[in-house]
Amino acid sequence: MNWLWADDDLVPEVGAEWIYRARTFASSERVRITAVQASKRSYRAEVAFCDGEAAGSTENVPANRLHGPWNRIERYDELMAGWERLDEFELTDAEESATVTAYELLIDRAIAHRLWAPLRYVTSVDNPEALEGLTGLPLAELTSRVASFELDGKTLLSREGTLLIAEYACRKNPMPVLDSVIEEEKELREKSKHGSKAGEYETDPEWEYEWYRKHHRPVHELLRQWCGHRAVTLQERLTAAEAESLRVEALANRLIDALADEGNLELAHTFARELEDDRITPESVRPVVDRPLHPSEIPVRYVTKPRRWGWS
């Protein structure tokens, strides 16, 4: 799909008047095509300017400066004004990387996706209802807060809209993002300890740590901020509990082995069996709610009446 303008794919005819722009968001100018030099993939054209100070002058221009017949100038300028509004908001490097992570983990491409051209990190919304389910933000609220416009039945949002979608998606479903951050930090920790090698290139630990500090840590901090303090704290508690469980189990196994080495085999086997049989798992930690037993299912208990002592 040509996101800018379908007429950009046309080849002009000599003598026709076309739309010319020196840059993407420069003013449109009217030119007359005086010659076309075609090539395998594109073309160049000789144009004569029709209006203003440049009237009568000629220039050899590439195809990407010509944008269709002049009689469609109103629609073209309206479309480009929409794109120019989307281009007003810029993302930082950390925000760009964080939105990439959030979209890849949480936003299905069939629901919404980022564009790479003509503007990077602008979002096309394909399924507004599903997007609201992922973020909690109705499309009407998004378009009221950020620059947007409609194109071929799809809503295009500025980079600020991309940022909002990523943030609210992380807040609504934080765990996949936080898990991804933890895994990446584990890999970066190893590189900061030992350096890294890829093919013929090798980096030392100091370089890796500096790269992490400048490029990765700001992204991780931003993603954690989007996920929220409660989700971050919950993940840290779960991670700490799992790590502590592994540490205690390793310690218990060492003690059991020490008992066996001292000849206390029966006690060692008892502790090993209890360690395994009484293990707390996600399945066993839940309270089990059983149905009430029918009287026929209740086992009968016979109680012997105590013998009475005393004078008869």
C-alpha atoms as a PDB file:
ATOM      1  CA  MET A   1       0.000   0.000   0.000  1.00  0.00           C
ATOM      2  CA  ASN A   2       1.283   3.485  -0.900  1.00  0.00           C
ATOM      3  CA  TRP A   3       0.591   5.326   2.353  1.00  0.00           C
ATOM      4  CA  LEU A   4       1.359   8.749   0.943  1.00  0.00           C
ATOM      5  CA  TRP A   5      -0.414   8.992  -2.382  1.00  0.00           C
ATOM      6  CA  ALA A   6      -1.467   6.378  -4.932  1.00  0.00           C
ATOM      7  CA  ASP A   7      -0.584   8.689  -7.831  1.00  0.00           C
ATOM      8  CA  ASP A   8       3.083   8.472  -6.789  1.00  0.00           C
ATOM      9  CA  ASP A   9       3.155   5.167  -8.681  1.00  0.00           C
ATOM     10  CA  LEU A  10       2.064   6.765 -11.982  1.00  0.00           C
ATOM     11  CA  VAL A  11       4.423   7.773 -14.797  1.00  0.00           C
ATOM     12  CA  PRO A  12       3.666  11.239 -16.252  1.00  0.00           C
ATOM     13  CA  GLU A  13       3.155  12.011 -19.905  1.00  0.00           C
ATOM     14  CA  VAL A  14       4.971  14.784 -21.725  1.00  0.00           C
ATOM     15  CA  GLY A  15       2.920  17.996 -21.708  1.00  0.00           C
ATOM     16  CA  ALA A  16       0.919  17.125 -18.558  1.00  0.00           C
ATOM     17  CA  GLU A  17       0.814  19.431 -15.543  1.00  0.00           C
ATOM     18  CA  TRP A  18       1.847  17.682 -12.320  1.00  0.00           C
ATOM     19  CA  ILE A  19       2.296  18.312  -8.603  1.00  0.00           C
ATOM     20  CA  TYR A  20       5.906  18.915  -7.589  1.00  0.00           C
ATOM     21  CA  ARG A  21       7.422  19.059  -4.088  1.00  0.00           C
ATOM     22  CA  ALA A  22      11.114  19.626  -3.392  1.00  0.00           C
ATOM     23  CA  ARG A  23      10.712  17.834  -0.003  1.00  0.00           C
ATOM     24  CA  THR A  24       7.989  15.751   1.601  1.00  0.00           C
ATOM     25  CA  PHE A  25       6.451  18.659   3.521  1.00  0.00           C
ATOM     26  CA  ALA A  26       7.467  21.534   1.232  1.00  0.00           C
ATOM     27  CA  SER A  27       4.838  23.603  -0.584  1.00  0.00           C
ATOM     28  CA  SER A  28       3.279  22.071  -3.697  1.00  0.00           C
ATOM     29  CA  GLU A  29       4.235  23.634  -7.028  1.00  0.00           C
ATOM     30  CA  ARG A  30       2.753  23.274 -10.518  1.00  0.00           C
ATOM     31  CA  VAL A  31       5.111  21.998 -13.190  1.00  0.00           C
ATOM     32  CA  ARG A  32       4.774  20.930 -16.822  1.00  0.00           C
ATOM     33  CA  ILE A  33       6.453  17.706 -17.922  1.00  0.00           C
ATOM     34  CA  THR A  34       8.749  18.382 -20.879  1.00  0.00           C
ATOM     35  CA  ALA A  35      10.600  15.030 -21.060  1.00  0.00           C
ATOM     36  CA  VAL A  36      10.654  11.628 -19.314  1.00  0.00           C
ATOM     37  CA  GLN A  37      13.712   9.365 -19.051  1.00  0.00           C
ATOM     38  CA  ALA A  38      12.496   5.907 -18.008  1.00  0.00           C
ATOM     39  CA  SER A  39      14.661   3.285 -16.324  1.00  0.00           C
ATOM     40  CA  LYS A  40      14.020  -0.301 -15.209  1.00  0.00           C
ATOM     41  CA  ARG A  41      12.705   0.611 -11.769  1.00  0.00           C
ATOM     42  CA  SER A  42      11.774   4.292 -12.000  1.00  0.00           C
ATOM     43  CA  TYR A  43      12.209   7.419 -14.113  1.00  0.00           C
ATOM     44  CA  ARG A  44      13.467  10.975 -14.109  1.00  0.00           C
ATOM     45  CA  ALA A  45      11.676  13.899 -15.714  1.00  0.00           C
ATOM     46  CA  GLU A  46      12.477  17.305 -17.156  1.00  0.00           C
ATOM     47  CA  VAL A  47       9.980  19.783 -15.696  1.00  0.00           C
ATOM     48  CA  ALA A  48       9.224  23.439 -16.328  1.00  0.00           C
ATOM     49  CA  PHE A  49       7.883  25.456 -13.381  1.00  0.00           C
ATOM     50  CA  CYS A  50       4.642  27.261 -14.126  1.00  0.00           C
ATOM     51  CA  ASP A  51       4.171  29.762 -11.264  1.00  0.00           C
ATOM     52  CA  GLY A  52       6.001  32.081  -8.881  1.00  0.00           C
ATOM     53  CA  GLU A  53       9.604  33.224  -9.037  1.00  0.00           C
ATOM     54  CA  ALA A  54      10.711  29.953 -10.641  1.00  0.00           C
ATOM     55  CA  ALA A  55       8.215  30.269 -13.524  1.00  0.00           C
ATOM     56  CA  GLY A  56       9.830  29.327 -16.826  1.00  0.00           C
ATOM     57  CA  SER A  57      12.859  27.636 -15.277  1.00  0.00           C
ATOM     58  CA  THR A  58      13.497  23.945 -15.896  1.00  0.00           C
ATOM     59  CA  GLU A  59      14.958  21.163 -13.773  1.00  0.00           C
ATOM     60  CA  ASN A  60      15.685  17.462 -14.074  1.00  0.00           C
ATOM     61  CA  VAL A  61      13.997  15.814 -11.079  1.00  0.00           C
ATOM     62  CA  PRO A  62      13.635  12.257  -9.717  1.00  0.00           C
ATOM     63  CA  ALA A  63      10.285  10.481  -9.670  1.00  0.00           C
ATOM     64  CA  ASN A  64       9.804  10.875  -5.915  1.00  0.00           C
ATOM     65  CA  ARG A  65       9.324  14.645  -6.316  1.00  0.00           C
ATOM     66  CA  LEU A  66       6.338  14.265  -8.649  1.00  0.00           C
ATOM     67  CA  HIS A  67       2.970  13.419  -7.108  1.00  0.00           C
ATOM     68  CA  GLY A  68       0.305  13.086  -9.759  1.00  0.00           C
ATOM     69  CA  PRO A  69      -1.810  15.324 -11.987  1.00  0.00           C
ATOM     70  CA  TRP A  70      -2.259  18.941 -10.908  1.00  0.00           C
ATOM     71  CA  ASN A  71      -6.062  18.673 -11.004  1.00  0.00           C
ATOM     72  CA  ARG A  72      -5.878  16.611  -7.769  1.00  0.00           C
ATOM     73  CA  ILE A  73      -3.884  19.207  -5.851  1.00  0.00           C
ATOM     74  CA  GLU A  74      -6.582  19.939  -3.235  1.00  0.00           C
ATOM     75  CA  ARG A  75      -6.918  16.319  -2.159  1.00  0.00           C
ATOM     76  CA  TYR A  76      -3.145  15.859  -2.190  1.00  0.00           C
ATOM     77  CA  ASP A  77      -2.436  18.931  -0.055  1.00  0.00           C
ATOM     78  CA  GLU A  78      -5.164  17.878   2.396  1.00  0.00           C
ATOM     79  CA  LEU A  79      -3.584  14.430   2.723  1.00  0.00           C
ATOM     80  CA  MET A  80      -0.079  15.806   3.206  1.00  0.00           C
ATOM     81  CA  ALA A  81      -1.335  18.254   5.844  1.00  0.00           C
ATOM     82  CA  GLY A  82      -2.577  15.208   7.785  1.00  0.00           C
ATOM     83  CA  TRP A  83       0.823  13.511   7.554  1.00  0.00           C
ATOM     84  CA  GLU A  84       2.549  16.727   8.572  1.00  0.00           C
ATOM     85  CA  ARG A  85       0.442  16.892  11.755  1.00  0.00           C
ATOM     86  CA  LEU A  86       1.509  13.349  12.607  1.00  0.00           C
ATOM     87  CA  ASP A  87       5.151  14.338  12.158  1.00  0.00           C
ATOM     88  CA  GLU A  88       5.092  17.080  14.826  1.00  0.00           C
ATOM     89  CA  PHE A  89       5.711  14.774  17.819  1.00  0.00           C
ATOM     90  CA  GLU A  90       9.156  13.183  18.179  1.00  0.00           C
ATOM     91  CA  LEU A  91      10.109  10.153  20.294  1.00  0.00           C
ATOM     92  CA  THR A  92      13.333   9.766  22.253  1.00  0.00           C
ATOM     93  CA  ASP A  93      15.558   6.768  21.523  1.00  0.00           C
ATOM     94  CA  ALA A  94      14.371   5.059  24.732  1.00  0.00           C
ATOM     95  CA  GLU A  95      10.716   5.668  23.833  1.00  0.00           C
ATOM     96  CA  GLU A  96      11.237   4.236  20.345  1.00  0.00           C
ATOM     97  CA  SER A  97      12.792   1.035  21.718  1.00  0.00           C
ATOM     98  CA  ALA A  98      10.185   0.707  24.462  1.00  0.00           C
ATOM     99  CA  THR A  99       7.300   1.003  21.992  1.00  0.00           C
ATOM    100  CA  VAL A 100       8.908  -1.682  19.811  1.00  0.00           C
ATOM    101  CA  THR A 101       9.031  -4.061  22.798  1.00  0.00           C
ATOM    102  CA  ALA A 102       5.460  -3.305  23.866  1.00  0.00           C
ATOM    103  CA  TYR A 103       4.006  -3.717  20.374  1.00  0.00           C
ATOM    104  CA  GLU A 104       5.901  -6.947  19.683  1.00  0.00           C
ATOM    105  CA  LEU A 105       4.797  -8.530  22.975  1.00  0.00           C
ATOM    106  CA  LEU A 106       1.263  -7.182  23.419  1.00  0.00           C
ATOM    107  CA  ILE A 107      -0.226  -5.745  20.194  1.00  0.00           C
ATOM    108  CA  ASP A 108      -1.195  -8.114  17.399  1.00  0.00           C
ATOM    109  CA  ARG A 109      -0.403  -6.672  13.975  1.00  0.00           C
ATOM    110  CA  ALA A 110      -3.988  -7.305  12.842  1.00  0.00           C
ATOM    111  CA  ILE A 111      -5.187  -4.942  15.605  1.00  0.00           C
ATOM    112  CA  ALA A 112      -2.682  -2.075  15.252  1.00  0.00           C
ATOM    113  CA  HIS A 113       0.812  -1.740  13.875  1.00  0.00           C
ATOM    114  CA  ARG A 114       3.576   0.823  13.558  1.00  0.00           C
ATOM    115  CA  LEU A 115       4.533   2.195  10.157  1.00  0.00           C
ATOM    116  CA  TRP A 116       8.118   2.497   8.959  1.00  0.00           C
ATOM    117  CA  ALA A 117       7.309   4.719   5.990  1.00  0.00           C
ATOM    118  CA  PRO A 118       6.550   7.446   5.183  1.00  0.00           C
ATOM    119  CA  LEU A 119       6.811   8.267   8.922  1.00  0.00           C
ATOM    120  CA  ARG A 120       8.457   5.940  11.424  1.00  0.00           C
ATOM    121  CA  TYR A 121       6.528   4.934  14.568  1.00  0.00           C
ATOM    122  CA  VAL A 122       3.166   6.278  13.401  1.00  0.00           C
ATOM    123  CA  THR A 123       0.394   3.771  14.222  1.00  0.00           C
ATOM    124  CA  SER A 124      -2.320   2.438  11.928  1.00  0.00           C
ATOM    125  CA  VAL A 125      -5.364   1.206  13.874  1.00  0.00           C
ATOM    126  CA  ASP A 126      -7.017  -1.726  12.076  1.00  0.00           C
ATOM    127  CA  ASN A 127      -9.365  -3.027  14.814  1.00  0.00           C
ATOM    128  CA  PRO A 128     -10.443  -0.262  17.251  1.00  0.00           C
ATOM    129  CA  GLU A 129     -12.600  -2.558  19.413  1.00  0.00           C
ATOM    130  CA  ALA A 130      -9.793  -5.086  19.962  1.00  0.00           C
ATOM    131  CA  LEU A 131      -7.333  -2.263  20.649  1.00  0.00           C
ATOM    132  CA  GLU A 132      -9.630  -0.876  23.327  1.00  0.00           C
ATOM    133  CA  GLY A 133      -9.674  -4.329  24.933  1.00  0.00           C
ATOM    134  CA  LEU A 134      -5.866  -4.364  25.048  1.00  0.00           C
ATOM    135  CA  THR A 135      -5.397  -0.824  26.327  1.00  0.00           C
ATOM    136  CA  GLY A 136      -8.659   0.286  27.907  1.00  0.00           C
ATOM    137  CA  LEU A 137      -8.598   3.352  25.638  1.00  0.00           C
ATOM    138  CA  PRO A 138     -11.488   3.929  23.213  1.00  0.00           C
ATOM    139  CA  LEU A 139     -10.382   5.148  19.806  1.00  0.00           C
ATOM    140  CA  ALA A 140     -12.397   8.354  20.290  1.00  0.00           C
ATOM    141  CA  GLU A 141     -10.320   9.175  23.389  1.00  0.00           C
ATOM    142  CA  LEU A 142      -7.076   8.497  21.545  1.00  0.00           C
ATOM    143  CA  THR A 143      -7.994  10.749  18.623  1.00  0.00           C
ATOM    144  CA  SER A 144      -9.071  13.504  21.043  1.00  0.00           C
ATOM    145  CA  ARG A 145      -5.676  13.435  22.770  1.00  0.00           C
ATOM    146  CA  VAL A 146      -3.261  13.084  19.840  1.00  0.00           C
ATOM    147  CA  ALA A 147      -2.986  14.124  16.200  1.00  0.00           C
ATOM    148  CA  SER A 148      -4.733  11.733  13.810  1.00  0.00           C
ATOM    149  CA  PHE A 149      -6.537  11.435  10.492  1.00  0.00           C
ATOM    150  CA  GLU A 150      -8.432   8.860   8.433  1.00  0.00           C
ATOM    151  CA  LEU A 151      -6.925   7.167   5.390  1.00  0.00           C
ATOM    152  CA  ASP A 152      -8.653   4.428   3.376  1.00  0.00           C
ATOM    153  CA  GLY A 153     -10.886   3.476   6.307  1.00  0.00           C
ATOM    154  CA  LYS A 154      -8.031   3.243   8.821  1.00  0.00           C
ATOM    155  CA  THR A 155      -7.191   5.672  11.601  1.00  0.00           C
ATOM    156  CA  LEU A 156      -3.594   6.876  11.679  1.00  0.00           C
ATOM    157  CA  LEU A 157      -2.204   8.140  14.993  1.00  0.00           C
ATOM    158  CA  SER A 158       0.864  10.263  15.601  1.00  0.00           C
ATOM    159  CA  ARG A 159       3.925   8.992  17.459  1.00  0.00           C
ATOM    160  CA  GLU A 160       2.348  10.355  20.627  1.00  0.00           C
ATOM    161  CA  GLY A 161      -0.554   7.977  20.022  1.00  0.00           C
ATOM    162  CA  THR A 162       1.911   5.114  19.564  1.00  0.00           C
ATOM    163  CA  LEU A 163       3.421   6.045  22.931  1.00  0.00           C
ATOM    164  CA  LEU A 164       0.012   6.079  24.650  1.00  0.00           C
ATOM    165  CA  ILE A 165      -0.975   2.696  23.208  1.00  0.00           C
ATOM    166  CA  ALA A 166       2.292   1.131  24.368  1.00  0.00           C
ATOM    167  CA  GLU A 167       2.007   2.614  27.864  1.00  0.00           C
ATOM    168  CA  TYR A 168      -1.614   1.592  28.468  1.00  0.00           C
ATOM    169  CA  ALA A 169      -1.061  -1.888  27.019  1.00  0.00           C
ATOM    170  CA  CYS A 170       1.843  -2.404  29.437  1.00  0.00           C
ATOM    171  CA  ARG A 171      -0.263  -1.184  32.350  1.00  0.00           C
ATOM    172  CA  LYS A 172      -3.089  -3.573  31.440  1.00  0.00           C
ATOM    173  CA  ASN A 173      -0.911  -6.653  30.790  1.00  0.00           C
ATOM    174  CA  PRO A 174       2.457  -6.058  32.487  1.00  0.00           C
ATOM    175  CA  MET A 175       3.849  -9.550  33.142  1.00  0.00           C
ATOM    176  CA  PRO A 176       5.000 -10.467  29.588  1.00  0.00           C
ATOM    177  CA  VAL A 177       6.863  -7.159  29.412  1.00  0.00           C
ATOM    178  CA  LEU A 178       8.456  -7.482  32.853  1.00  0.00           C
ATOM    179  CA  ASP A 179       9.482 -11.088  32.159  1.00  0.00           C
ATOM    180  CA  SER A 180      11.107  -9.960  28.899  1.00  0.00           C
ATOM    181  CA  VAL A 181      12.993  -7.196  30.717  1.00  0.00           C
ATOM    182  CA  ILE A 182      14.288  -9.658  33.345  1.00  0.00           C
ATOM    183  CA  GLU A 183      15.517 -12.103  30.689  1.00  0.00           C
ATOM    184  CA  GLU A 184      17.275  -9.362  28.756  1.00  0.00           C
ATOM    185  CA  GLU A 185      18.900  -8.067  31.941  1.00  0.00           C
ATOM    186  CA  LYS A 186      20.239 -11.566  32.673  1.00  0.00           C
ATOM    187  CA  GLU A 187      21.925 -11.663  29.258  1.00  0.00           C
ATOM    188  CA  LEU A 188      23.307  -8.141  29.663  1.00  0.00           C
ATOM    189  CA  ARG A 189      24.642  -8.988  33.134  1.00  0.00           C
ATOM    190  CA  GLU A 190      26.683 -11.823  31.642  1.00  0.00           C
ATOM    191  CA  LYS A 191      28.044  -9.539  28.942  1.00  0.00           C
ATOM    192  CA  SER A 192      28.966  -6.919  31.546  1.00  0.00           C
ATOM    193  CA  LYS A 193      30.881  -9.605  33.455  1.00  0.00           C
ATOM    194  CA  HIS A 194      32.645 -11.394  30.616  1.00  0.00           C
ATOM    195  CA  GLY A 195      32.301  -9.228  27.512  1.00  0.00           C
ATOM    196  CA  SER A 196      30.853 -10.493  24.251  1.00  0.00           C
ATOM    197  CA  LYS A 197      32.061 -11.993  21.008  1.00  0.00           C
ATOM    198  CA  ALA A 198      30.261 -12.061  17.663  1.00  0.00           C
ATOM    199  CA  GLY A 199      32.288 -13.453  14.783  1.00  0.00           C
ATOM    200  CA  GLU A 200      35.552 -11.532  14.545  1.00  0.00           C
ATOM    201  CA  TYR A 201      34.342  -8.747  16.818  1.00  0.00           C
ATOM    202  CA  GLU A 202      34.915  -8.899  20.576  1.00  0.00           C
ATOM    203  CA  THR A 203      33.969  -6.420  23.296  1.00  0.00           C
ATOM    204  CA  ASP A 204      35.262  -6.139  26.841  1.00  0.00           C
ATOM    205  CA  PRO A 205      33.069  -5.973  29.994  1.00  0.00           C
ATOM    206  CA  GLU A 206      33.626  -2.214  30.404  1.00  0.00           C
ATOM    207  CA  TRP A 207      32.318  -1.486  26.900  1.00  0.00           C
ATOM    208  CA  GLU A 208      29.315  -3.764  27.412  1.00  0.00           C
ATOM    209  CA  TYR A 209      28.413  -2.115  30.721  1.00  0.00           C
ATOM    210  CA  GLU A 210      28.655   1.366  29.206  1.00  0.00           C
ATOM    211  CA  TRP A 211      26.445   0.278  26.301  1.00  0.00           C
ATOM    212  CA  TYR A 212      23.903  -1.152  28.769  1.00  0.00           C
ATOM    213  CA  ARG A 213      23.957   2.023  30.861  1.00  0.00           C
ATOM    214  CA  LYS A 214      23.390   4.330  27.892  1.00  0.00           C
ATOM    215  CA  HIS A 215      21.031   2.276  25.713  1.00  0.00           C
ATOM    216  CA  HIS A 216      19.330  -0.561  27.597  1.00  0.00           C
ATOM    217  CA  ARG A 217      18.792   0.715  31.125  1.00  0.00           C
ATOM    218  CA  PRO A 218      16.698   3.782  30.093  1.00  0.00           C
ATOM    219  CA  VAL A 219      14.423   1.464  28.074  1.00  0.00           C
ATOM    220  CA  HIS A 220      14.015  -0.980  30.976  1.00  0.00           C
ATOM    221  CA  GLU A 221      13.247   1.816  33.405  1.00  0.00           C
ATOM    222  CA  LEU A 222      10.622   3.245  31.046  1.00  0.00           C
ATOM    223  CA  LEU A 223       8.953  -0.149  30.550  1.00  0.00           C
ATOM    224  CA  ARG A 224       8.839  -0.718  34.318  1.00  0.00           C
ATOM    225  CA  GLN A 225       7.335   2.729  34.741  1.00  0.00           C
ATOM    226  CA  TRP A 226       4.622   1.907  32.207  1.00  0.00           C
ATOM    227  CA  CYS A 227       3.867  -1.429  33.897  1.00  0.00           C
ATOM    228  CA  GLY A 228       3.356   0.303  37.234  1.00  0.00           C
ATOM    229  CA  HIS A 229       4.790  -0.033  40.740  1.00  0.00           C
ATOM    230  CA  ARG A 230       2.367  -2.749  41.857  1.00  0.00           C
ATOM    231  CA  ALA A 231       3.170  -5.069  38.933  1.00  0.00           C
ATOM    232  CA  VAL A 232       6.912  -4.482  39.311  1.00  0.00           C
ATOM    233  CA  THR A 233       6.753  -5.205  43.052  1.00  0.00           C
ATOM    234  CA  LEU A 234       4.694  -8.358  42.481  1.00  0.00           C
ATOM    235  CA  GLN A 235       7.163  -9.663  39.921  1.00  0.00           C
ATOM    236  CA  GLU A 236      10.109  -8.935  42.193  1.00  0.00           C
ATOM    237  CA  ARG A 237       8.427 -10.772  45.086  1.00  0.00           C
ATOM    238  CA  LEU A 238       7.669 -13.792  42.883  1.00  0.00           C
ATOM    239  CA  THR A 239      11.216 -13.839  41.518  1.00  0.00           C
ATOM    240  CA  ALA A 240      12.673 -13.554  45.016  1.00  0.00           C
ATOM    241  CA  ALA A 241      10.396 -16.335  46.318  1.00  0.00           C
ATOM    242  CA  GLU A 242      11.441 -18.686  43.512  1.00  0.00           C
ATOM    243  CA  ALA A 243      15.129 -17.921  44.036  1.00  0.00           C
ATOM    244  CA  GLU A 244      14.832 -18.427  47.799  1.00  0.00           C
ATOM    245  CA  SER A 245      13.007 -21.719  47.271  1.00  0.00           C
ATOM    246  CA  LEU A 246      15.852 -22.988  45.090  1.00  0.00           C
ATOM    247  CA  ARG A 247      18.443 -21.822  47.624  1.00  0.00           C
ATOM    248  CA  VAL A 248      16.694 -23.551  50.553  1.00  0.00           C
ATOM    249  CA  GLU A 249      16.208 -26.754  48.549  1.00  0.00           C
ATOM    250  CA  ALA A 250      19.886 -26.843  47.643  1.00  0.00           C
ATOM    251  CA  LEU A 251      20.782 -26.326  51.320  1.00  0.00           C
ATOM    252  CA  ALA A 252      18.397 -29.115  52.399  1.00  0.00           C
ATOM    253  CA  ASN A 253      19.902 -31.514  49.875  1.00  0.00           C
ATOM    254  CA  ARG A 254      23.398 -30.749  51.185  1.00  0.00           C
ATOM    255  CA  LEU A 255      22.260 -31.474  54.747  1.00  0.00           C
ATOM    256  CA  ILE A 256      20.617 -34.753  53.678  1.00  0.00           C
ATOM    257  CA  ASP A 257      23.815 -35.797  51.896  1.00  0.00           C
ATOM    258  CA  ALA A 258      25.829 -34.907  55.016  1.00  0.00           C
ATOM    259  CA  LEU A 259      23.569 -37.096  57.162  1.00  0.00           C
ATOM    260  CA  ALA A 260      23.997 -39.997  54.737  1.00  0.00           C
ATOM    261  CA  ASP A 261      27.766 -39.538  54.735  1.00  0.00           C
ATOM    262  CA  GLU A 262      27.730 -39.733  58.553  1.00  0.00           C
ATOM    263  CA  GLY A 263      25.874 -43.046  58.402  1.00  0.00           C
ATOM    264  CA  ASN A 264      22.397 -41.766  59.358  1.00  0.00           C
ATOM    265  CA  LEU A 265      20.827 -43.340  56.250  1.00  0.00           C
ATOM    266  CA  GLU A 266      17.357 -43.862  57.706  1.00  0.00           C
ATOM    267  CA  LEU A 267      17.079 -40.249  58.862  1.00  0.00           C
ATOM    268  CA  ALA A 268      18.486 -39.015  55.534  1.00  0.00           C
ATOM    269  CA  HIS A 269      15.917 -41.054  53.585  1.00  0.00           C
ATOM    270  CA  THR A 270      13.129 -39.762  55.836  1.00  0.00           C
ATOM    271  CA  PHE A 271      14.092 -36.129  55.252  1.00  0.00           C
ATOM    272  CA  ALA A 272      14.515 -36.694  51.474  1.00  0.00           C
ATOM    273  CA  ARG A 273      11.053 -38.273  51.276  1.00  0.00           C
ATOM    274  CA  GLU A 274       9.452 -35.467  53.282  1.00  0.00           C
ATOM    275  CA  LEU A 275      11.198 -32.847  51.139  1.00  0.00           C
ATOM    276  CA  GLU A 276       9.665 -34.368  48.014  1.00  0.00           C
ATOM    277  CA  ASP A 277       6.253 -35.478  49.295  1.00  0.00           C
ATOM    278  CA  ASP A 278       5.455 -32.248  51.171  1.00  0.00           C
ATOM    279  CA  ARG A 279       6.588 -29.958  48.340  1.00  0.00           C
ATOM    280  CA  ILE A 280       4.304 -26.923  47.929  1.00  0.00           C
ATOM    281  CA  THR A 281       3.239 -26.502  44.293  1.00  0.00           C
ATOM    282  CA  PRO A 282       0.814 -24.145  42.525  1.00  0.00           C
ATOM    283  CA  GLU A 283      -1.688 -27.014  42.448  1.00  0.00           C
ATOM    284  CA  SER A 284      -1.401 -27.955  46.116  1.00  0.00           C
ATOM    285  CA  VAL A 285      -1.371 -24.422  47.506  1.00  0.00           C
ATOM    286  CA  ARG A 286      -4.963 -23.750  46.451  1.00  0.00           C
ATOM    287  CA  PRO A 287      -7.699 -24.462  49.032  1.00  0.00           C
ATOM    288  CA  VAL A 288      -9.671 -27.498  47.837  1.00  0.00           C
ATOM    289  CA  VAL A 289     -13.432 -27.085  48.236  1.00  0.00           C
ATOM    290  CA  ASP A 290     -15.076 -30.522  48.426  1.00  0.00           C
ATOM    291  CA  ARG A 291     -18.776 -31.281  48.165  1.00  0.00           C
ATOM    292  CA  PRO A 292     -20.526 -32.332  51.376  1.00  0.00           C
ATOM    293  CA  LEU A 293     -20.579 -36.116  51.935  1.00  0.00           C
ATOM    294  CA  HIS A 294     -23.864 -37.976  51.749  1.00  0.00           C
ATOM    295  CA  PRO A 295     -24.693 -39.792  54.997  1.00  0.00           C
ATOM    296  CA  SER A 296     -24.152 -43.107  53.188  1.00  0.00           C
ATOM    297  CA  GLU A 297     -20.607 -42.009  52.367  1.00  0.00           C
ATOM    298  CA  ILE A 298     -19.656 -41.166  55.926  1.00  0.00           C
ATOM    299  CA  PRO A 299     -17.718 -44.054  57.482  1.00  0.00           C
ATOM    300  CA  VAL A 300     -19.305 -45.629  60.533  1.00  0.00           C
ATOM    301  CA  ARG A 301     -17.332 -45.332  63.724  1.00  0.00           C
ATOM    302  CA  TYR A 302     -18.058 -47.759  66.535  1.00  0.00           C
ATOM    303  CA  VAL A 303     -17.477 -46.361  69.989  1.00  0.00           C
ATOM    304  CA  THR A 304     -17.298 -48.727  72.939  1.00  0.00           C
ATOM    305  CA  LYS A 305     -19.244 -47.467  75.876  1.00  0.00           C
ATOM    306  CA  PRO A 306     -16.898 -47.043  78.838  1.00  0.00           C
ATOM    307  CA  ARG A 307     -17.414 -49.447  81.629  1.00  0.00           C
ATOM    308  CA  ARG A 308     -18.934 -47.899  84.723  1.00  0.00           C
ATOM    309  CA  TRP A 309     -17.303 -48.552  88.059  1.00  0.00           C
ATOM    310  CA  GLY A 310     -18.989 -48.256  91.385  1.00  0.00           C
ATOM    311  CA  TRP A 311     -21.411 -49.918  93.728  1.00  0.00           C
ATOM    312  CA  SER A 312     -24.308 -51.615  92.091  1.00  0.00           C
END
